[in-house]
Each structure stands twice: as structure tokens, then as C-alpha cells.
Amino acid sequence: MQVVLNTRGSFLKKNKNCFLVKTDEKSFEVSTDDVDSILITTSTTITTDAVKFTVENNIGLIFPDHFGDPGGSGL
């Protein structure tokens, strides 16, 4: 699955063996077993622990430019 963070003000952090995603309206956890990549399209806060967690679990971290092309990515 691809986790898409496209809500301004979203927050992504590592929580035990999962990712915790928060917005103003909701929060939920996603297991690393279910995540292939994380796509961040707008102003989102992501912790360094979450970035390290993506690397440790071979999960792609994608930051597209305004045309939708990968402007930066990990893995």
C-alpha cells in the first residue's frame, strides 16, 4: 500500500512498530508490513525517527514536485 499525505498540516511519526498519521480531523496507525511507500504532497511534518524507520524497513519516501514528478525520494 502507498500512504499518501496530501492534507496540509499532516503529521507522520514512528509509534512502536507502526507509523502514526495525524491530521486535524483524525489519526490512525499503519503497520510497516502494509506500507510499500509514503507519498508526501503538501506541507507535512515528518519526524526524523519516521524517516529512519522508512529506511530501516525499505519503504520508499517520495516528495513529488508541482508537476507530480519525484522531486526527491528515498530508496
PDB file of N, CA and C in Angstrom:
ATOM      1  N   MET A   1       0.835  -1.169   0.000  1.00  0.00           N
ATOM      2  CA  MET A   1       0.000   0.000   0.000  1.00  0.00           C
ATOM      3  C   MET A   1       0.886   1.240   0.000  1.00  0.00           C
ATOM      4  N   GLN A   2       0.372   2.285  -0.608  1.00  0.00           N
ATOM      5  CA  GLN A   2       1.066   3.567  -0.571  1.00  0.00           C
ATOM      6  C   GLN A   2       0.295   4.487   0.368  1.00  0.00           C
ATOM      7  N   VAL A   3       0.980   5.044   1.353  1.00  0.00           N
ATOM      8  CA  VAL A   3       0.384   6.029   2.243  1.00  0.00           C
ATOM      9  C   VAL A   3       0.566   7.385   1.576  1.00  0.00           C
ATOM     10  N   VAL A   4      -0.534   8.109   1.389  1.00  0.00           N
ATOM     11  CA  VAL A   4      -0.495   9.417   0.738  1.00  0.00           C
ATOM     12  C   VAL A   4      -0.842  10.478   1.771  1.00  0.00           C
ATOM     13  N   LEU A   5       0.091  11.397   1.986  1.00  0.00           N
ATOM     14  CA  LEU A   5      -0.144  12.521   2.895  1.00  0.00           C
ATOM     15  C   LEU A   5      -0.375  13.759   2.038  1.00  0.00           C
ATOM     16  N   ASN A   6      -1.647  14.122   1.868  1.00  0.00           N
ATOM     17  CA  ASN A   6      -1.989  15.238   0.991  1.00  0.00           C
ATOM     18  C   ASN A   6      -2.863  16.274   1.687  1.00  0.00           C
ATOM     19  N   THR A   7      -2.853  16.261   3.016  1.00  0.00           N
ATOM     20  CA  THR A   7      -3.592  17.240   3.797  1.00  0.00           C
ATOM     21  C   THR A   7      -2.606  18.173   4.485  1.00  0.00           C
ATOM     22  N   ARG A   8      -2.751  19.466   4.215  1.00  0.00           N
ATOM     23  CA  ARG A   8      -1.866  20.461   4.831  1.00  0.00           C
ATOM     24  C   ARG A   8      -1.930  20.326   6.355  1.00  0.00           C
ATOM     25  N   GLY A   9      -0.763  20.284   6.981  1.00  0.00           N
ATOM     26  CA  GLY A   9      -0.683  20.162   8.428  1.00  0.00           C
ATOM     27  C   GLY A   9      -0.649  18.728   8.932  1.00  0.00           C
ATOM     28  N   SER A  10      -0.585  17.756   8.019  1.00  0.00           N
ATOM     29  CA  SER A  10      -0.484  16.353   8.432  1.00  0.00           C
ATOM     30  C   SER A  10       0.799  16.135   9.213  1.00  0.00           C
ATOM     31  N   PHE A  11       0.805  15.074  10.007  1.00  0.00           N
ATOM     32  CA  PHE A  11       1.940  14.754  10.866  1.00  0.00           C
ATOM     33  C   PHE A  11       2.197  13.261  10.764  1.00  0.00           C
ATOM     34  N   LEU A  12       3.457  12.872  10.553  1.00  0.00           N
ATOM     35  CA  LEU A  12       3.836  11.467  10.460  1.00  0.00           C
ATOM     36  C   LEU A  12       4.954  11.198  11.449  1.00  0.00           C
ATOM     37  N   LYS A  13       4.760  10.175  12.280  1.00  0.00           N
ATOM     38  CA  LYS A  13       5.808   9.802  13.220  1.00  0.00           C
ATOM     39  C   LYS A  13       5.826   8.296  13.385  1.00  0.00           C
ATOM     40  N   LYS A  14       6.903   7.800  13.960  1.00  0.00           N
ATOM     41  CA  LYS A  14       7.032   6.384  14.301  1.00  0.00           C
ATOM     42  C   LYS A  14       6.375   6.186  15.660  1.00  0.00           C
ATOM     43  N   ASN A  15       5.582   5.137  15.761  1.00  0.00           N
ATOM     44  CA  ASN A  15       4.951   4.801  17.034  1.00  0.00           C
ATOM     45  C   ASN A  15       5.085   3.298  17.233  1.00  0.00           C
ATOM     46  N   LYS A  16       6.037   2.889  18.051  1.00  0.00           N
ATOM     47  CA  LYS A  16       6.376   1.482  18.256  1.00  0.00           C
ATOM     48  C   LYS A  16       6.788   0.876  16.921  1.00  0.00           C
ATOM     49  N   ASN A  17       6.053  -0.100  16.394  1.00  0.00           N
ATOM     50  CA  ASN A  17       6.407  -0.724  15.114  1.00  0.00           C
ATOM     51  C   ASN A  17       5.477  -0.282  13.999  1.00  0.00           C
ATOM     52  N   CYS A  18       4.899   0.897  14.135  1.00  0.00           N
ATOM     53  CA  CYS A  18       3.944   1.423  13.158  1.00  0.00           C
ATOM     54  C   CYS A  18       4.257   2.875  12.844  1.00  0.00           C
ATOM     55  N   PHE A  19       3.605   3.370  11.802  1.00  0.00           N
ATOM     56  CA  PHE A  19       3.584   4.799  11.533  1.00  0.00           C
ATOM     57  C   PHE A  19       2.286   5.345  12.104  1.00  0.00           C
ATOM     58  N   LEU A  20       2.372   6.499  12.738  1.00  0.00           N
ATOM     59  CA  LEU A  20       1.187   7.196  13.212  1.00  0.00           C
ATOM     60  C   LEU A  20       0.993   8.408  12.324  1.00  0.00           C
ATOM     61  N   VAL A  21      -0.186   8.498  11.717  1.00  0.00           N
ATOM     62  CA  VAL A  21      -0.535   9.618  10.842  1.00  0.00           C
ATOM     63  C   VAL A  21      -1.620  10.419  11.535  1.00  0.00           C
ATOM     64  N   LYS A  22      -1.412  11.733  11.638  1.00  0.00           N
ATOM     65  CA  LYS A  22      -2.403  12.603  12.267  1.00  0.00           C
ATOM     66  C   LYS A  22      -2.741  13.758  11.332  1.00  0.00           C
ATOM     67  N   THR A  23      -4.017  14.097  11.304  1.00  0.00           N
ATOM     68  CA  THR A  23      -4.488  15.325  10.680  1.00  0.00           C
ATOM     69  C   THR A  23      -5.345  16.025  11.721  1.00  0.00           C
ATOM     70  N   ASP A  24      -5.887  17.188  11.377  1.00  0.00           N
ATOM     71  CA  ASP A  24      -6.773  17.878  12.318  1.00  0.00           C
ATOM     72  C   ASP A  24      -8.018  17.060  12.616  1.00  0.00           C
ATOM     73  N   GLU A  25      -8.429  16.230  11.658  1.00  0.00           N
ATOM     74  CA  GLU A  25      -9.693  15.523  11.778  1.00  0.00           C
ATOM     75  C   GLU A  25      -9.578  14.095  12.297  1.00  0.00           C
ATOM     76  N   LYS A  26      -8.448  13.434  12.090  1.00  0.00           N
ATOM     77  CA  LYS A  26      -8.339  12.037  12.502  1.00  0.00           C
ATOM     78  C   LYS A  26      -6.887  11.642  12.713  1.00  0.00           C
ATOM     79  N   SER A  27      -6.698  10.472  13.316  1.00  0.00           N
ATOM     80  CA  SER A  27      -5.371   9.885  13.423  1.00  0.00           C
ATOM     81  C   SER A  27      -5.531   8.373  13.298  1.00  0.00           C
ATOM     82  N   PHE A  28      -4.506   7.743  12.728  1.00  0.00           N
ATOM     83  CA  PHE A  28      -4.545   6.295  12.564  1.00  0.00           C
ATOM     84  C   PHE A  28      -3.131   5.759  12.486  1.00  0.00           C
ATOM     85  N   GLU A  29      -2.979   4.471  12.772  1.00  0.00           N
ATOM     86  CA  GLU A  29      -1.689   3.794  12.696  1.00  0.00           C
ATOM     87  C   GLU A  29      -1.678   2.860  11.494  1.00  0.00           C
ATOM     88  N   VAL A  30      -0.494   2.712  10.901  1.00  0.00           N
ATOM     89  CA  VAL A  30      -0.311   1.810   9.777  1.00  0.00           C
ATOM     90  C   VAL A  30       0.933   0.978  10.063  1.00  0.00           C
ATOM     91  N   SER A  31       0.800  -0.334   9.962  1.00  0.00           N
ATOM     92  CA  SER A  31       1.924  -1.247  10.180  1.00  0.00           C
ATOM     93  C   SER A  31       2.903  -1.158   9.014  1.00  0.00           C
ATOM     94  N   THR A  32       4.184  -1.289   9.310  1.00  0.00           N
ATOM     95  CA  THR A  32       5.194  -1.278   8.246  1.00  0.00           C
ATOM     96  C   THR A  32       5.004  -2.448   7.291  1.00  0.00           C
ATOM     97  N   ASP A  33       4.388  -3.529   7.750  1.00  0.00           N
ATOM     98  CA  ASP A  33       4.134  -4.679   6.883  1.00  0.00           C
ATOM     99  C   ASP A  33       3.187  -4.334   5.742  1.00  0.00           C
ATOM    100  N   ASP A  34       2.369  -3.292   5.931  1.00  0.00           N
ATOM    101  CA  ASP A  34       1.376  -2.907   4.934  1.00  0.00           C
ATOM    102  C   ASP A  34       1.829  -1.771   4.024  1.00  0.00           C
ATOM    103  N   VAL A  35       2.994  -1.166   4.296  1.00  0.00           N
ATOM    104  CA  VAL A  35       3.412   0.039   3.577  1.00  0.00           C
ATOM    105  C   VAL A  35       4.572  -0.251   2.623  1.00  0.00           C
ATOM    106  N   ASP A  36       4.373   0.088   1.344  1.00  0.00           N
ATOM    107  CA  ASP A  36       5.440  -0.009   0.339  1.00  0.00           C
ATOM    108  C   ASP A  36       6.134   1.328   0.149  1.00  0.00           C
ATOM    109  N   SER A  37       5.338   2.425   0.227  1.00  0.00           N
ATOM    110  CA  SER A  37       5.903   3.759   0.039  1.00  0.00           C
ATOM    111  C   SER A  37       5.025   4.797   0.719  1.00  0.00           C
ATOM    112  N   ILE A  38       5.623   5.959   0.953  1.00  0.00           N
ATOM    113  CA  ILE A  38       4.921   7.091   1.541  1.00  0.00           C
ATOM    114  C   ILE A  38       5.104   8.268   0.593  1.00  0.00           C
ATOM    115  N   LEU A  39       3.990   8.837   0.141  1.00  0.00           N
ATOM    116  CA  LEU A  39       3.989   9.958  -0.788  1.00  0.00           C
ATOM    117  C   LEU A  39       3.561  11.204  -0.027  1.00  0.00           C
ATOM    118  N   ILE A  40       4.414  12.217  -0.002  1.00  0.00           N
ATOM    119  CA  ILE A  40       4.127  13.458   0.718  1.00  0.00           C
ATOM    120  C   ILE A  40       3.965  14.567  -0.311  1.00  0.00           C
ATOM    121  N   THR A  41       2.725  15.090  -0.423  1.00  0.00           N
ATOM    122  CA  THR A  41       2.434  16.053  -1.488  1.00  0.00           C
ATOM    123  C   THR A  41       2.269  17.484  -1.027  1.00  0.00           C
ATOM    124  N   THR A  42       2.189  17.724   0.266  1.00  0.00           N
ATOM    125  CA  THR A  42       1.951  19.079   0.758  1.00  0.00           C
ATOM    126  C   THR A  42       2.668  19.284   2.094  1.00  0.00           C
ATOM    127  N   SER A  43       2.437  20.407   2.717  1.00  0.00           N
ATOM    128  CA  SER A  43       3.095  20.755   3.975  1.00  0.00           C
ATOM    129  C   SER A  43       2.768  19.735   5.057  1.00  0.00           C
ATOM    130  N   THR A  44       3.724  18.872   5.342  1.00  0.00           N
ATOM    131  CA  THR A  44       3.580  17.801   6.321  1.00  0.00           C
ATOM    132  C   THR A  44       4.778  17.804   7.241  1.00  0.00           C
ATOM    133  N   THR A  45       4.548  17.520   8.496  1.00  0.00           N
ATOM    134  CA  THR A  45       5.641  17.348   9.444  1.00  0.00           C
ATOM    135  C   THR A  45       5.944  15.861   9.535  1.00  0.00           C
ATOM    136  N   ILE A  46       7.225  15.522   9.380  1.00  0.00           N
ATOM    137  CA  ILE A  46       7.655  14.121   9.493  1.00  0.00           C
ATOM    138  C   ILE A  46       8.864  14.092  10.421  1.00  0.00           C
ATOM    139  N   THR A  47       8.825  13.224  11.404  1.00  0.00           N
ATOM    140  CA  THR A  47       9.914  13.172  12.376  1.00  0.00           C
ATOM    141  C   THR A  47      11.124  12.439  11.795  1.00  0.00           C
ATOM    142  N   THR A  48      12.280  12.718  12.347  1.00  0.00           N
ATOM    143  CA  THR A  48      13.493  12.021  11.913  1.00  0.00           C
ATOM    144  C   THR A  48      13.396  10.529  12.236  1.00  0.00           C
ATOM    145  N   ASP A  49      12.736  10.176  13.332  1.00  0.00           N
ATOM    146  CA  ASP A  49      12.531   8.761  13.651  1.00  0.00           C
ATOM    147  C   ASP A  49      11.707   8.070  12.568  1.00  0.00           C
ATOM    148  N   ALA A  50      10.715   8.758  12.018  1.00  0.00           N
ATOM    149  CA  ALA A  50       9.902   8.189  10.945  1.00  0.00           C
ATOM    150  C   ALA A  50      10.728   8.013   9.677  1.00  0.00           C
ATOM    151  N   VAL A  51      11.588   8.986   9.358  1.00  0.00           N
ATOM    152  CA  VAL A  51      12.454   8.868   8.179  1.00  0.00           C
ATOM    153  C   VAL A  51      13.390   7.673   8.353  1.00  0.00           C
ATOM    154  N   LYS A  52      14.016   7.566   9.502  1.00  0.00           N
ATOM    155  CA  LYS A  52      14.916   6.441   9.781  1.00  0.00           C
ATOM    156  C   LYS A  52      14.168   5.111   9.702  1.00  0.00           C
ATOM    157  N   PHE A  53      12.945   5.084  10.194  1.00  0.00           N
ATOM    158  CA  PHE A  53      12.105   3.894  10.180  1.00  0.00           C
ATOM    159  C   PHE A  53      11.791   3.459   8.745  1.00  0.00           C
ATOM    160  N   THR A  54      11.573   4.422   7.843  1.00  0.00           N
ATOM    161  CA  THR A  54      11.323   4.075   6.438  1.00  0.00           C
ATOM    162  C   THR A  54      12.556   3.419   5.830  1.00  0.00           C
ATOM    163  N   VAL A  55      13.725   3.953   6.138  1.00  0.00           N
ATOM    164  CA  VAL A  55      14.974   3.396   5.602  1.00  0.00           C
ATOM    165  C   VAL A  55      15.203   1.985   6.137  1.00  0.00           C
ATOM    166  N   GLU A  56      15.027   1.804   7.446  1.00  0.00           N
ATOM    167  CA  GLU A  56      15.241   0.501   8.070  1.00  0.00           C
ATOM    168  C   GLU A  56      14.300  -0.575   7.516  1.00  0.00           C
ATOM    169  N   ASN A  57      13.124  -0.158   7.046  1.00  0.00           N
ATOM    170  CA  ASN A  57      12.120  -1.101   6.557  1.00  0.00           C
ATOM    171  C   ASN A  57      11.979  -1.088   5.035  1.00  0.00           C
ATOM    172  N   ASN A  58      12.955  -0.469   4.341  1.00  0.00           N
ATOM    173  CA  ASN A  58      12.960  -0.430   2.872  1.00  0.00           C
ATOM    174  C   ASN A  58      11.654   0.107   2.298  1.00  0.00           C
ATOM    175  N   ILE A  59      11.171   1.173   2.888  1.00  0.00           N
ATOM    176  CA  ILE A  59       9.940   1.824   2.437  1.00  0.00           C
ATOM    177  C   ILE A  59      10.334   3.102   1.705  1.00  0.00           C
ATOM    178  N   GLY A  60       9.829   3.272   0.496  1.00  0.00           N
ATOM    179  CA  GLY A  60      10.133   4.462  -0.295  1.00  0.00           C
ATOM    180  C   GLY A  60       9.466   5.695   0.290  1.00  0.00           C
ATOM    181  N   LEU A  61      10.178   6.806   0.284  1.00  0.00           N
ATOM    182  CA  LEU A  61       9.671   8.097   0.755  1.00  0.00           C
ATOM    183  C   LEU A  61       9.754   9.047  -0.429  1.00  0.00           C
ATOM    184  N   ILE A  62       8.605   9.495  -0.936  1.00  0.00           N
ATOM    185  CA  ILE A  62       8.548  10.230  -2.198  1.00  0.00           C
ATOM    186  C   ILE A  62       8.027  11.644  -1.966  1.00  0.00           C
ATOM    187  N   PHE A  63       8.746  12.625  -2.520  1.00  0.00           N
ATOM    188  CA  PHE A  63       8.374  14.028  -2.459  1.00  0.00           C
ATOM    189  C   PHE A  63       8.245  14.558  -3.888  1.00  0.00           C
ATOM    190  N   PRO A  64       7.055  14.518  -4.486  1.00  0.00           N
ATOM    191  CA  PRO A  64       6.919  14.967  -5.874  1.00  0.00           C
ATOM    192  C   PRO A  64       6.980  16.497  -5.995  1.00  0.00           C
ATOM    193  N   ASP A  65       7.394  16.961  -7.185  1.00  0.00           N
ATOM    194  CA  ASP A  65       7.372  18.394  -7.447  1.00  0.00           C
ATOM    195  C   ASP A  65       5.955  18.805  -7.857  1.00  0.00           C
ATOM    196  N   HIS A  66       5.769  20.066  -8.233  1.00  0.00           N
ATOM    197  CA  HIS A  66       4.426  20.551  -8.542  1.00  0.00           C
ATOM    198  C   HIS A  66       3.854  19.976  -9.843  1.00  0.00           C
ATOM    199  N   PHE A  67       4.658  19.248 -10.605  1.00  0.00           N
ATOM    200  CA  PHE A  67       4.172  18.559 -11.812  1.00  0.00           C
ATOM    201  C   PHE A  67       3.808  17.108 -11.502  1.00  0.00           C
ATOM    202  N   GLY A  68       4.112  16.636 -10.285  1.00  0.00           N
ATOM    203  CA  GLY A  68       3.838  15.252  -9.906  1.00  0.00           C
ATOM    204  C   GLY A  68       5.010  14.324 -10.104  1.00  0.00           C
ATOM    205  N   ASP A  69       6.121  14.859 -10.656  1.00  0.00           N
ATOM    206  CA  ASP A  69       7.314  14.049 -10.837  1.00  0.00           C
ATOM    207  C   ASP A  69       8.082  14.000  -9.507  1.00  0.00           C
ATOM    208  N   PRO A  70       8.744  12.861  -9.239  1.00  0.00           N
ATOM    209  CA  PRO A  70       9.516  12.787  -7.986  1.00  0.00           C
ATOM    210  C   PRO A  70      10.585  13.883  -7.928  1.00  0.00           C
ATOM    211  N   GLY A  71      10.385  14.838  -7.030  1.00  0.00           N
ATOM    212  CA  GLY A  71      11.358  15.905  -6.853  1.00  0.00           C
ATOM    213  C   GLY A  71      12.473  15.465  -5.933  1.00  0.00           C
ATOM    214  N   GLY A  72      12.182  14.501  -5.120  1.00  0.00           N
ATOM    215  CA  GLY A  72      13.146  13.906  -4.214  1.00  0.00           C
ATOM    216  C   GLY A  72      12.556  12.621  -3.702  1.00  0.00           C
ATOM    217  N   SER A  73      13.399  11.645  -3.469  1.00  0.00           N
ATOM    218  CA  SER A  73      12.866  10.395  -2.933  1.00  0.00           C
ATOM    219  C   SER A  73      13.971   9.631  -2.222  1.00  0.00           C
ATOM    220  N   GLY A  74      13.565   8.707  -1.407  1.00  0.00           N
ATOM    221  CA  GLY A  74      14.471   7.804  -0.732  1.00  0.00           C
ATOM    222  C   GLY A  74      14.136   6.394  -1.124  1.00  0.00           C
ATOM    223  N   LEU A  75      15.151   5.603  -1.342  1.00  0.00           N
ATOM    224  CA  LEU A  75      15.043   4.211  -1.763  1.00  0.00           C
ATOM    225  C   LEU A  75      14.590   4.157  -3.153  1.00  0.00           C
TER     226      LEU A  75
END
